[in-house]
């Protein structure tokens, strides 16, 4: 019986049961890592191709109707990679429930962007910290000239990409932790 209890996989399972749960701090850190990666990738695009940088900035700022299909696709890819990284950070910090915490990184972004957009609409645009900082500000751009099926479709695509990237990144971060813990326990 003691051999079974001391088996590396049993130790990993016990550690996961003790440490696995949603962790707001890990998810928030993942969101900040994703925003940093988004800024860095945007800077790389700016250095390499001004046209793509212009497209990415329009989309991040919420001007999706003025962007091209290629620009939208590149922006979706950049946002996905940024949140894949942010989810991975959240998953590594949370240790075991990486998928939940990676998804939480995306949820943090969406909730905070919506709150700041609401503050900007109700109180004044200077209170929209996301807009002032050049962070993804998709919600504040929902106004009368923005309400088209294409615009809502692109907004929905960005929401899905943020959540999917965070989820998959979180799973990868948790898998990394699991492999390391299994190696150490062996």
C-alpha atoms as a PDB file:
ATOM      1  CA  UNK A   1       0.000   0.000   0.000  1.00  0.00           C
ATOM      2  CA  UNK A   2       2.803   2.400   0.795  1.00  0.00           C
ATOM      3  CA  UNK A   3       4.335   1.771  -2.648  1.00  0.00           C
ATOM      4  CA  UNK A   4       1.072   2.885  -4.266  1.00  0.00           C
ATOM      5  CA  UNK A   5       0.823   5.961  -2.031  1.00  0.00           C
ATOM      6  CA  UNK A   6       4.412   6.934  -2.841  1.00  0.00           C
ATOM      7  CA  UNK A   7       4.053   6.434  -6.589  1.00  0.00           C
ATOM      8  CA  UNK A   8       4.955   9.664  -8.450  1.00  0.00           C
ATOM      9  CA  UNK A   9       1.549   9.887 -10.135  1.00  0.00           C
ATOM     10  CA  UNK A  10      -0.222   9.502  -6.770  1.00  0.00           C
ATOM     11  CA  UNK A  11       1.911  12.316  -5.344  1.00  0.00           C
ATOM     12  CA  UNK A  12       1.045  14.545  -8.292  1.00  0.00           C
ATOM     13  CA  UNK A  13      -2.668  13.757  -7.887  1.00  0.00           C
ATOM     14  CA  UNK A  14      -2.564  14.609  -4.162  1.00  0.00           C
ATOM     15  CA  UNK A  15      -0.697  17.856  -4.855  1.00  0.00           C
ATOM     16  CA  UNK A  16      -3.217  18.787  -7.557  1.00  0.00           C
ATOM     17  CA  UNK A  17      -6.117  18.145  -5.180  1.00  0.00           C
ATOM     18  CA  UNK A  18      -4.511  20.436  -2.595  1.00  0.00           C
ATOM     19  CA  UNK A  19      -3.474  23.208  -4.958  1.00  0.00           C
ATOM     20  CA  UNK A  20      -5.929  23.134  -7.842  1.00  0.00           C
ATOM     21  CA  UNK A  21      -8.488  25.938  -8.018  1.00  0.00           C
ATOM     22  CA  UNK A  22      -9.197  29.274  -9.601  1.00  0.00           C
ATOM     23  CA  UNK A  23      -6.628  31.844  -8.539  1.00  0.00           C
ATOM     24  CA  UNK A  24      -7.566  35.473  -9.168  1.00  0.00           C
ATOM     25  CA  UNK A  25      -3.985  36.652  -8.699  1.00  0.00           C
ATOM     26  CA  UNK A  26      -2.634  34.177 -11.242  1.00  0.00           C
ATOM     27  CA  UNK A  27      -5.360  35.083 -13.733  1.00  0.00           C
ATOM     28  CA  UNK A  28      -4.751  38.816 -13.262  1.00  0.00           C
ATOM     29  CA  UNK A  29      -1.012  38.281 -13.707  1.00  0.00           C
ATOM     30  CA  UNK A  30      -1.763  36.333 -16.868  1.00  0.00           C
ATOM     31  CA  UNK A  31      -3.829  39.245 -18.166  1.00  0.00           C
ATOM     32  CA  UNK A  32      -0.977  41.684 -17.500  1.00  0.00           C
ATOM     33  CA  UNK A  33       1.483  39.320 -19.199  1.00  0.00           C
ATOM     34  CA  UNK A  34      -0.858  39.067 -22.204  1.00  0.00           C
ATOM     35  CA  UNK A  35      -1.179  42.855 -22.435  1.00  0.00           C
ATOM     36  CA  UNK A  36       2.601  43.183 -22.272  1.00  0.00           C
ATOM     37  CA  UNK A  37       2.988  40.554 -24.988  1.00  0.00           C
ATOM     38  CA  UNK A  38       0.347  42.342 -27.066  1.00  0.00           C
ATOM     39  CA  UNK A  39       2.283  45.607 -26.771  1.00  0.00           C
ATOM     40  CA  UNK A  40       5.555  43.884 -27.645  1.00  0.00           C
ATOM     41  CA  UNK A  41       4.120  42.038 -30.639  1.00  0.00           C
ATOM     42  CA  UNK A  42       2.487  45.269 -31.799  1.00  0.00           C
ATOM     43  CA  UNK A  43       5.880  46.992 -31.601  1.00  0.00           C
ATOM     44  CA  UNK A  44       7.474  44.195 -33.642  1.00  0.00           C
ATOM     45  CA  UNK A  45       4.790  44.585 -36.276  1.00  0.00           C
ATOM     46  CA  UNK A  46       5.307  48.344 -36.244  1.00  0.00           C
ATOM     47  CA  UNK A  47       9.007  47.832 -36.867  1.00  0.00           C
ATOM     48  CA  UNK A  48       8.389  45.406 -39.716  1.00  0.00           C
ATOM     49  CA  UNK A  49       5.299  46.585 -41.533  1.00  0.00           C
ATOM     50  CA  UNK A  50       3.690  49.974 -41.014  1.00  0.00           C
ATOM     51  CA  UNK A  51       0.516  48.954 -42.831  1.00  0.00           C
ATOM     52  CA  UNK A  52      -0.080  46.018 -40.485  1.00  0.00           C
ATOM     53  CA  UNK A  53       0.711  48.202 -37.471  1.00  0.00           C
ATOM     54  CA  UNK A  54      -1.889  50.699 -38.619  1.00  0.00           C
ATOM     55  CA  UNK A  55      -4.438  47.888 -39.022  1.00  0.00           C
ATOM     56  CA  UNK A  56      -3.603  46.413 -35.604  1.00  0.00           C
ATOM     57  CA  UNK A  57      -3.913  49.799 -33.898  1.00  0.00           C
ATOM     58  CA  UNK A  58      -7.291  50.440 -35.536  1.00  0.00           C
ATOM     59  CA  UNK A  59      -8.569  47.071 -34.368  1.00  0.00           C
ATOM     60  CA  UNK A  60      -7.166  47.351 -30.831  1.00  0.00           C
ATOM     61  CA  UNK A  61      -8.738  50.802 -30.563  1.00  0.00           C
ATOM     62  CA  UNK A  62     -12.070  49.438 -31.778  1.00  0.00           C
ATOM     63  CA  UNK A  63     -12.187  50.857 -35.308  1.00  0.00           C
ATOM     64  CA  UNK A  64     -12.878  47.464 -36.854  1.00  0.00           C
ATOM     65  CA  UNK A  65     -14.965  48.769 -39.736  1.00  0.00           C
ATOM     66  CA  UNK A  66     -12.006  50.677 -41.167  1.00  0.00           C
ATOM     67  CA  UNK A  67      -9.659  47.674 -41.167  1.00  0.00           C
ATOM     68  CA  UNK A  68      -9.065  45.213 -43.956  1.00  0.00           C
ATOM     69  CA  UNK A  69      -9.558  41.467 -43.867  1.00  0.00           C
ATOM     70  CA  UNK A  70      -5.790  40.858 -43.761  1.00  0.00           C
ATOM     71  CA  UNK A  71      -5.358  43.388 -40.976  1.00  0.00           C
ATOM     72  CA  UNK A  72      -8.164  41.775 -38.992  1.00  0.00           C
ATOM     73  CA  UNK A  73      -6.668  38.315 -39.457  1.00  0.00           C
ATOM     74  CA  UNK A  74      -3.213  39.500 -38.359  1.00  0.00           C
ATOM     75  CA  UNK A  75      -4.696  41.301 -35.362  1.00  0.00           C
ATOM     76  CA  UNK A  76      -6.645  38.177 -34.388  1.00  0.00           C
ATOM     77  CA  UNK A  77      -3.434  36.162 -34.624  1.00  0.00           C
ATOM     78  CA  UNK A  78      -1.491  38.647 -32.522  1.00  0.00           C
ATOM     79  CA  UNK A  79      -4.210  38.768 -29.861  1.00  0.00           C
ATOM     80  CA  UNK A  80      -4.368  34.951 -29.829  1.00  0.00           C
ATOM     81  CA  UNK A  81      -0.588  34.648 -29.358  1.00  0.00           C
ATOM     82  CA  UNK A  82      -0.582  37.300 -26.630  1.00  0.00           C
ATOM     83  CA  UNK A  83      -3.314  35.546 -24.674  1.00  0.00           C
ATOM     84  CA  UNK A  84      -1.769  32.141 -25.299  1.00  0.00           C
ATOM     85  CA  UNK A  85       1.273  33.529 -23.501  1.00  0.00           C
ATOM     86  CA  UNK A  86      -0.838  35.206 -20.804  1.00  0.00           C
ATOM     87  CA  UNK A  87      -2.765  31.983 -20.232  1.00  0.00           C
ATOM     88  CA  UNK A  88       0.507  30.087 -19.973  1.00  0.00           C
ATOM     89  CA  UNK A  89       1.719  32.532 -17.320  1.00  0.00           C
ATOM     90  CA  UNK A  90      -1.546  32.127 -15.378  1.00  0.00           C
ATOM     91  CA  UNK A  91      -1.355  28.342 -15.704  1.00  0.00           C
ATOM     92  CA  UNK A  92       2.232  28.244 -14.473  1.00  0.00           C
ATOM     93  CA  UNK A  93       1.425  30.473 -11.513  1.00  0.00           C
ATOM     94  CA  UNK A  94      -1.701  28.546 -10.547  1.00  0.00           C
ATOM     95  CA  UNK A  95       0.147  25.220 -10.900  1.00  0.00           C
ATOM     96  CA  UNK A  96      -2.725  22.814 -11.592  1.00  0.00           C
ATOM     97  CA  UNK A  97      -5.968  24.378 -12.805  1.00  0.00           C
ATOM     98  CA  UNK A  98      -4.238  26.205 -15.610  1.00  0.00           C
ATOM     99  CA  UNK A  99      -7.143  26.082 -18.033  1.00  0.00           C
ATOM    100  CA  UNK A 100      -9.461  27.854 -15.583  1.00  0.00           C
ATOM    101  CA  UNK A 101      -6.839  30.448 -14.710  1.00  0.00           C
ATOM    102  CA  UNK A 102      -5.828  31.012 -18.335  1.00  0.00           C
ATOM    103  CA  UNK A 103      -9.481  31.554 -19.180  1.00  0.00           C
ATOM    104  CA  UNK A 104      -9.592  33.888 -16.182  1.00  0.00           C
ATOM    105  CA  UNK A 105      -6.829  36.015 -17.741  1.00  0.00           C
ATOM    106  CA  UNK A 106      -9.061  36.614 -20.754  1.00  0.00           C
ATOM    107  CA  UNK A 107     -12.099  37.217 -18.565  1.00  0.00           C
ATOM    108  CA  UNK A 108     -10.182  39.805 -16.527  1.00  0.00           C
ATOM    109  CA  UNK A 109      -9.410  41.703 -19.720  1.00  0.00           C
ATOM    110  CA  UNK A 110     -12.998  41.599 -20.946  1.00  0.00           C
ATOM    111  CA  UNK A 111     -14.474  42.624 -17.592  1.00  0.00           C
ATOM    112  CA  UNK A 112     -12.005  45.466 -17.018  1.00  0.00           C
ATOM    113  CA  UNK A 113     -12.345  46.721 -20.603  1.00  0.00           C
ATOM    114  CA  UNK A 114     -16.142  46.729 -20.231  1.00  0.00           C
ATOM    115  CA  UNK A 115     -15.991  48.528 -16.864  1.00  0.00           C
ATOM    116  CA  UNK A 116     -13.637  51.223 -18.177  1.00  0.00           C
ATOM    117  CA  UNK A 117     -15.712  51.624 -21.340  1.00  0.00           C
ATOM    118  CA  UNK A 118     -18.806  52.098 -19.177  1.00  0.00           C
ATOM    119  CA  UNK A 119     -16.979  54.632 -17.004  1.00  0.00           C
ATOM    120  CA  UNK A 120     -15.875  56.458 -20.140  1.00  0.00           C
ATOM    121  CA  UNK A 121     -19.421  56.521 -21.489  1.00  0.00           C
ATOM    122  CA  UNK A 122     -21.062  57.612 -18.219  1.00  0.00           C
ATOM    123  CA  UNK A 123     -18.506  59.945 -16.677  1.00  0.00           C
ATOM    124  CA  UNK A 124     -16.227  60.981 -19.535  1.00  0.00           C
ATOM    125  CA  UNK A 125     -13.668  59.520 -21.911  1.00  0.00           C
ATOM    126  CA  UNK A 126     -10.794  60.541 -19.656  1.00  0.00           C
ATOM    127  CA  UNK A 127     -11.960  57.865 -17.170  1.00  0.00           C
ATOM    128  CA  UNK A 128     -11.506  55.086 -19.722  1.00  0.00           C
ATOM    129  CA  UNK A 129      -8.048  53.900 -18.689  1.00  0.00           C
ATOM    130  CA  UNK A 130      -7.913  51.306 -21.472  1.00  0.00           C
ATOM    131  CA  UNK A 131      -8.526  53.913 -24.162  1.00  0.00           C
ATOM    132  CA  UNK A 132      -6.012  56.359 -22.697  1.00  0.00           C
ATOM    133  CA  UNK A 133      -3.310  53.679 -22.393  1.00  0.00           C
ATOM    134  CA  UNK A 134      -3.803  52.279 -25.896  1.00  0.00           C
ATOM    135  CA  UNK A 135      -4.978  48.909 -24.569  1.00  0.00           C
ATOM    136  CA  UNK A 136      -7.722  46.866 -26.236  1.00  0.00           C
ATOM    137  CA  UNK A 137     -10.763  49.116 -26.024  1.00  0.00           C
ATOM    138  CA  UNK A 138     -13.324  47.186 -28.034  1.00  0.00           C
ATOM    139  CA  UNK A 139     -16.354  47.932 -25.878  1.00  0.00           C
ATOM    140  CA  UNK A 140     -16.164  51.714 -25.863  1.00  0.00           C
ATOM    141  CA  UNK A 141     -16.317  51.781 -29.640  1.00  0.00           C
ATOM    142  CA  UNK A 142     -19.803  50.276 -29.717  1.00  0.00           C
ATOM    143  CA  UNK A 143     -21.713  53.322 -30.805  1.00  0.00           C
ATOM    144  CA  UNK A 144     -24.340  54.037 -33.443  1.00  0.00           C
ATOM    145  CA  UNK A 145     -21.988  53.994 -36.458  1.00  0.00           C
ATOM    146  CA  UNK A 146     -20.359  50.782 -35.199  1.00  0.00           C
ATOM    147  CA  UNK A 147     -23.497  48.656 -34.824  1.00  0.00           C
ATOM    148  CA  UNK A 148     -23.337  46.504 -37.918  1.00  0.00           C
ATOM    149  CA  UNK A 149     -23.372  42.713 -38.177  1.00  0.00           C
ATOM    150  CA  UNK A 150     -19.776  42.745 -39.446  1.00  0.00           C
ATOM    151  CA  UNK A 151     -18.584  44.876 -36.524  1.00  0.00           C
ATOM    152  CA  UNK A 152     -20.311  42.693 -33.956  1.00  0.00           C
ATOM    153  CA  UNK A 153     -18.937  39.601 -35.697  1.00  0.00           C
ATOM    154  CA  UNK A 154     -15.381  40.911 -35.484  1.00  0.00           C
ATOM    155  CA  UNK A 155     -15.918  41.907 -31.841  1.00  0.00           C
ATOM    156  CA  UNK A 156     -17.233  38.397 -31.097  1.00  0.00           C
ATOM    157  CA  UNK A 157     -14.223  36.893 -32.894  1.00  0.00           C
ATOM    158  CA  UNK A 158     -11.857  38.901 -30.684  1.00  0.00           C
ATOM    159  CA  UNK A 159     -13.686  37.801 -27.547  1.00  0.00           C
ATOM    160  CA  UNK A 160     -13.494  34.152 -28.631  1.00  0.00           C
ATOM    161  CA  UNK A 161      -9.798  34.481 -29.540  1.00  0.00           C
ATOM    162  CA  UNK A 162      -8.956  36.075 -26.171  1.00  0.00           C
ATOM    163  CA  UNK A 163     -10.754  33.345 -24.232  1.00  0.00           C
ATOM    164  CA  UNK A 164      -9.494  30.481 -26.407  1.00  0.00           C
ATOM    165  CA  UNK A 165      -5.893  31.716 -26.301  1.00  0.00           C
ATOM    166  CA  UNK A 166      -6.043  32.084 -22.522  1.00  0.00           C
ATOM    167  CA  UNK A 167      -7.629  28.662 -22.078  1.00  0.00           C
ATOM    168  CA  UNK A 168      -5.117  26.840 -24.294  1.00  0.00           C
ATOM    169  CA  UNK A 169      -2.191  28.738 -22.786  1.00  0.00           C
ATOM    170  CA  UNK A 170      -3.396  27.883 -19.296  1.00  0.00           C
ATOM    171  CA  UNK A 171      -3.609  24.195 -20.203  1.00  0.00           C
ATOM    172  CA  UNK A 172      -0.050  24.335 -21.555  1.00  0.00           C
ATOM    173  CA  UNK A 173       1.197  26.032 -18.377  1.00  0.00           C
ATOM    174  CA  UNK A 174      -0.477  23.445 -16.161  1.00  0.00           C
ATOM    175  CA  UNK A 175       0.907  20.609 -18.312  1.00  0.00           C
ATOM    176  CA  UNK A 176       4.383  22.079 -17.886  1.00  0.00           C
ATOM    177  CA  UNK A 177       3.903  22.101 -14.104  1.00  0.00           C
ATOM    178  CA  UNK A 178       2.566  18.551 -14.165  1.00  0.00           C
ATOM    179  CA  UNK A 179       5.579  17.249 -16.139  1.00  0.00           C
ATOM    180  CA  UNK A 180       8.033  18.963 -13.793  1.00  0.00           C
ATOM    181  CA  UNK A 181       6.291  17.709 -10.678  1.00  0.00           C
ATOM    182  CA  UNK A 182       6.180  14.164 -12.039  1.00  0.00           C
ATOM    183  CA  UNK A 183       9.909  14.339 -12.871  1.00  0.00           C
ATOM    184  CA  UNK A 184      10.770  15.609  -9.405  1.00  0.00           C
ATOM    185  CA  UNK A 185       8.593  12.990  -7.712  1.00  0.00           C
ATOM    186  CA  UNK A 186      10.209  10.128  -9.636  1.00  0.00           C
END
